[in-house]
Amino acid sequence: MSRRHLGALLLAVTAACADKSAPAPADDQASHVAEVVAAGGVVDSILPVAEQLRRFREALPPTDTLRHASPSRDALVTRWAAAIAKNDTSDLNAMIMDRHEFAWLYYPESPMAKPPYEAPPQLLWGQLLASSNKGATQLVNRFGGSRVTVSRLRCPTPPDTQGANVLHSACEARLEAPGKQTVEGVLFGTIIERDGRFKFVGLSTDL
């Protein structure tokens, strides 16, 4: 990416972060892009977004549904707490939107794929993956192997509809376990709902 394009993208996403009227998921994604670009992230912005997406999708068979999903928001969060308790990283990973779902279902509907952002899919995916891995590790290290209970699930921010996707952001919950300090707040990332199926966009946390 040229310095001119790098600067233009940084200015665009920084402005989006400052716009309090923008949808919360777009704010979060814009902030992620700004951080990556500021840290020297290198992407080929010369190519149109459509071509970047075509290349990103190479070797990724199409999918039209969220796989290994849960039937409700509550069921997803209960499953999440159970996986943490059992140190079941395999199921934790299964609850998170995968690369196929990102490429075929999530990114095309996201405001970040459209003007004025047009953030490259590989840049957003890399940032989501890094943030999610960090959040999952924090929770498993803190509560893994304990008798975990989850309660007080609430999503005070109105859902954001993006095409066929409904995004539930900034949801809060309370995690308790014997001998552990109780935590409460935003303990996982945005939940994506599509056709009555629920997964996490990522497992970022404010811990």
Protein backbone atom coordinates (compact mmCIF):
# COMPACT_ATOMS: atom_id res chain seq x y z
CA MET A 1 0.00 0.00 0.00
CA SER A 2 1.36 3.44 -0.84
CA ARG A 3 1.81 6.03 1.90
CA ARG A 4 -0.91 8.14 0.26
CA HIS A 5 -3.40 5.27 0.33
CA LEU A 6 -2.30 4.31 3.84
CA GLY A 7 -2.89 7.85 5.07
CA ALA A 8 -6.27 8.09 3.35
CA LEU A 9 -7.48 4.85 4.92
CA LEU A 10 -6.26 5.89 8.35
CA LEU A 11 -8.06 9.23 8.07
CA ALA A 12 -11.27 7.54 6.96
CA VAL A 13 -11.40 5.03 9.78
CA THR A 14 -10.33 7.56 12.38
CA ALA A 15 -13.23 9.79 11.32
CA ALA A 16 -15.58 6.84 11.57
CA CYS A 17 -14.45 6.16 15.12
CA ALA A 18 -15.18 9.76 16.06
CA ASP A 19 -18.70 9.62 14.57
CA LYS A 20 -20.90 8.65 17.50
CA SER A 21 -23.94 8.31 15.26
CA ALA A 22 -22.43 5.36 13.34
CA PRO A 23 -23.56 1.81 14.22
CA ALA A 24 -21.55 0.24 17.03
CA PRO A 25 -20.19 -2.71 14.97
CA ALA A 26 -18.92 -0.32 12.30
CA ASP A 27 -17.27 1.79 15.01
CA ASP A 28 -15.52 -1.31 16.37
CA GLN A 29 -14.32 -2.43 12.94
CA ALA A 30 -13.14 1.05 12.01
CA SER A 31 -11.17 1.21 15.23
CA HIS A 32 -9.55 -2.16 14.44
CA VAL A 33 -8.53 -1.00 10.97
CA ALA A 34 -7.12 2.25 12.35
CA GLU A 35 -4.99 0.34 14.85
CA VAL A 36 -3.62 -2.02 12.23
CA VAL A 37 -2.86 0.74 9.74
CA ALA A 38 -1.25 2.91 12.44
CA ALA A 39 0.94 -0.05 13.39
CA GLY A 40 2.17 -0.31 9.82
CA GLY A 41 -0.21 -2.91 8.40
CA VAL A 42 0.46 -3.50 4.72
CA VAL A 43 -2.39 -4.26 2.31
CA ASP A 44 -2.86 -3.77 -1.42
CA SER A 45 -5.51 -1.05 -1.55
CA ILE A 46 -4.87 -0.39 -5.24
CA LEU A 47 -7.07 -3.36 -6.14
CA PRO A 48 -10.85 -2.86 -6.03
CA VAL A 49 -12.60 -4.41 -3.06
CA ALA A 50 -14.41 -6.87 -5.35
CA GLU A 51 -11.08 -8.22 -6.60
CA GLN A 52 -9.62 -8.36 -3.10
CA LEU A 53 -12.66 -10.34 -1.96
CA ARG A 54 -12.36 -12.69 -4.94
CA ARG A 55 -8.75 -13.42 -4.01
CA PHE A 56 -9.62 -13.79 -0.32
CA ARG A 57 -12.31 -16.35 -1.24
CA GLU A 58 -9.94 -18.49 -3.30
CA ALA A 59 -9.89 -22.07 -1.98
CA LEU A 60 -12.87 -21.25 0.28
CA PRO A 61 -15.97 -23.19 -0.84
CA PRO A 62 -19.14 -21.05 -0.63
CA THR A 63 -21.39 -21.37 2.39
CA ASP A 64 -24.91 -20.03 2.83
CA THR A 65 -25.32 -20.72 6.55
CA LEU A 66 -23.57 -20.34 9.89
CA ARG A 67 -22.16 -23.76 10.66
CA HIS A 68 -21.96 -25.29 14.15
CA ALA A 69 -24.21 -22.46 15.34
CA SER A 70 -26.61 -22.26 18.30
CA PRO A 71 -30.41 -21.81 18.05
CA SER A 72 -30.58 -18.67 20.21
CA ARG A 73 -28.46 -15.99 21.78
CA ASP A 74 -28.97 -17.45 25.26
CA ALA A 75 -28.08 -20.95 24.06
CA LEU A 76 -24.86 -19.65 22.49
CA VAL A 77 -23.76 -17.90 25.69
CA THR A 78 -24.63 -20.94 27.85
CA ARG A 79 -22.60 -23.14 25.49
CA TRP A 80 -19.73 -20.62 25.65
CA ALA A 81 -19.64 -20.77 29.47
CA ALA A 82 -19.72 -24.58 29.44
CA ALA A 83 -16.81 -24.73 26.97
CA ILE A 84 -14.75 -22.39 29.16
CA ALA A 85 -15.44 -24.56 32.20
CA LYS A 86 -14.29 -27.69 30.34
CA ASN A 87 -11.27 -26.04 28.68
CA ASP A 88 -12.95 -27.07 25.44
CA THR A 89 -11.10 -24.87 22.97
CA SER A 90 -12.42 -26.97 20.08
CA ASP A 91 -16.01 -26.00 20.82
CA LEU A 92 -15.00 -22.41 21.57
CA ASN A 93 -13.49 -22.22 18.09
CA ALA A 94 -16.61 -23.81 16.58
CA MET A 95 -18.76 -21.03 18.08
CA ILE A 96 -16.75 -18.33 16.31
CA MET A 97 -17.39 -17.20 12.76
CA ASP A 98 -14.84 -18.97 10.55
CA ARG A 99 -13.01 -17.73 7.47
CA HIS A 100 -15.62 -19.18 5.08
CA GLU A 101 -18.47 -17.45 6.92
CA PHE A 102 -16.54 -14.20 7.08
CA ALA A 103 -15.81 -14.30 3.35
CA TRP A 104 -19.23 -15.35 2.08
CA LEU A 105 -21.72 -14.12 4.69
CA TYR A 106 -20.29 -11.41 6.94
CA TYR A 107 -17.87 -9.23 4.99
CA PRO A 108 -20.07 -8.60 1.92
CA GLU A 109 -22.83 -7.19 4.16
CA SER A 110 -20.53 -5.12 6.38
CA PRO A 111 -20.32 -1.30 6.03
CA MET A 112 -16.55 -1.76 6.14
CA ALA A 113 -16.69 -3.40 2.69
CA LYS A 114 -18.35 -0.33 1.20
CA PRO A 115 -17.43 3.34 0.69
CA PRO A 116 -16.06 5.31 2.40
CA TYR A 117 -14.19 2.52 4.22
CA GLU A 118 -13.62 -0.28 1.67
CA ALA A 119 -11.31 -1.99 4.15
CA PRO A 120 -9.60 -5.03 2.63
CA PRO A 121 -11.10 -8.35 3.83
CA GLN A 122 -7.73 -9.80 4.76
CA LEU A 123 -7.04 -6.82 7.03
CA LEU A 124 -10.33 -7.10 8.90
CA TRP A 125 -10.12 -10.87 9.16
CA GLY A 126 -6.59 -10.75 10.58
CA GLN A 127 -7.59 -8.22 13.21
CA LEU A 128 -10.74 -10.14 14.20
CA LEU A 129 -8.73 -13.34 14.52
CA ALA A 130 -6.02 -11.78 16.68
CA SER A 131 -8.53 -10.09 18.99
CA SER A 132 -10.60 -13.27 19.29
CA ASN A 133 -7.62 -15.48 20.14
CA LYS A 134 -6.58 -13.08 22.89
CA GLY A 135 -10.06 -12.96 24.41
CA ALA A 136 -10.52 -16.74 24.40
CA THR A 137 -7.11 -17.28 26.02
CA GLN A 138 -7.86 -14.78 28.79
CA LEU A 139 -11.15 -16.45 29.70
CA VAL A 140 -9.84 -20.03 29.62
CA ASN A 141 -6.79 -19.10 31.69
CA ARG A 142 -9.02 -17.42 34.26
CA PHE A 143 -11.96 -19.82 34.49
CA GLY A 144 -10.91 -23.05 32.77
CA GLY A 145 -11.54 -26.18 34.81
CA SER A 146 -13.93 -24.41 37.19
CA ARG A 147 -17.66 -24.88 37.73
CA VAL A 148 -18.67 -21.82 35.74
CA THR A 149 -22.13 -20.28 35.79
CA VAL A 150 -23.28 -17.46 33.52
CA SER A 151 -26.11 -15.07 34.27
CA ARG A 152 -27.43 -11.56 33.65
CA LEU A 153 -27.11 -11.70 29.88
CA ARG A 154 -28.26 -8.43 28.37
CA CYS A 155 -27.60 -6.63 25.11
CA PRO A 156 -28.50 -2.97 25.75
CA THR A 157 -27.40 -1.77 22.32
CA PRO A 158 -30.13 -2.13 19.64
CA PRO A 159 -29.26 -4.83 17.06
CA ASP A 160 -27.67 -3.63 13.83
CA THR A 161 -29.13 -5.21 10.69
CA GLN A 162 -26.67 -5.61 7.83
CA GLY A 163 -28.36 -7.39 4.95
CA ALA A 164 -29.29 -10.88 6.14
CA ASN A 165 -27.12 -10.47 9.25
CA VAL A 166 -28.30 -9.12 12.59
CA LEU A 167 -25.43 -8.06 14.86
CA HIS A 168 -25.82 -7.93 18.64
CA SER A 169 -22.94 -5.88 20.01
CA ALA A 170 -21.69 -4.87 23.47
CA CYS A 171 -23.66 -7.66 25.16
CA GLU A 172 -22.96 -8.05 28.86
CA ALA A 173 -22.92 -11.10 31.11
CA ARG A 174 -21.81 -12.21 34.55
CA LEU A 175 -19.41 -15.16 35.06
CA GLU A 176 -19.01 -16.83 38.42
CA ALA A 177 -17.01 -19.82 39.62
CA PRO A 178 -16.08 -21.12 43.11
CA GLY A 179 -12.85 -19.56 44.31
CA LYS A 180 -12.67 -17.15 41.38
CA GLN A 181 -13.33 -13.44 41.28
CA THR A 182 -16.67 -12.78 39.63
CA VAL A 183 -16.47 -10.80 36.40
CA GLU A 184 -19.25 -8.87 34.74
CA GLY A 185 -19.36 -6.80 31.59
CA VAL A 186 -18.60 -7.30 27.90
CA LEU A 187 -16.99 -10.74 28.03
CA PHE A 188 -17.27 -11.72 24.37
CA GLY A 189 -17.46 -10.00 21.02
CA THR A 190 -20.37 -9.24 18.74
CA ILE A 191 -22.92 -12.01 18.15
CA ILE A 192 -24.03 -12.58 14.58
CA GLU A 193 -27.55 -13.85 13.95
CA ARG A 194 -28.50 -15.18 10.53
CA ASP A 195 -31.60 -17.20 9.66
CA GLY A 196 -32.22 -18.01 13.32
CA ARG A 197 -28.67 -19.27 13.91
CA PHE A 198 -26.20 -17.60 16.26
CA LYS A 199 -22.40 -17.46 16.47
CA PHE A 200 -19.78 -15.08 17.80
CA VAL A 201 -18.06 -12.76 15.35
CA GLY A 202 -15.16 -13.03 17.79
CA LEU A 203 -14.32 -13.55 21.45
CA SER A 204 -12.73 -10.20 22.25
CA THR A 205 -13.31 -9.14 25.84
CA ASP A 206 -12.89 -6.04 27.98
CA LEU A 207 -11.21 -8.00 30.80
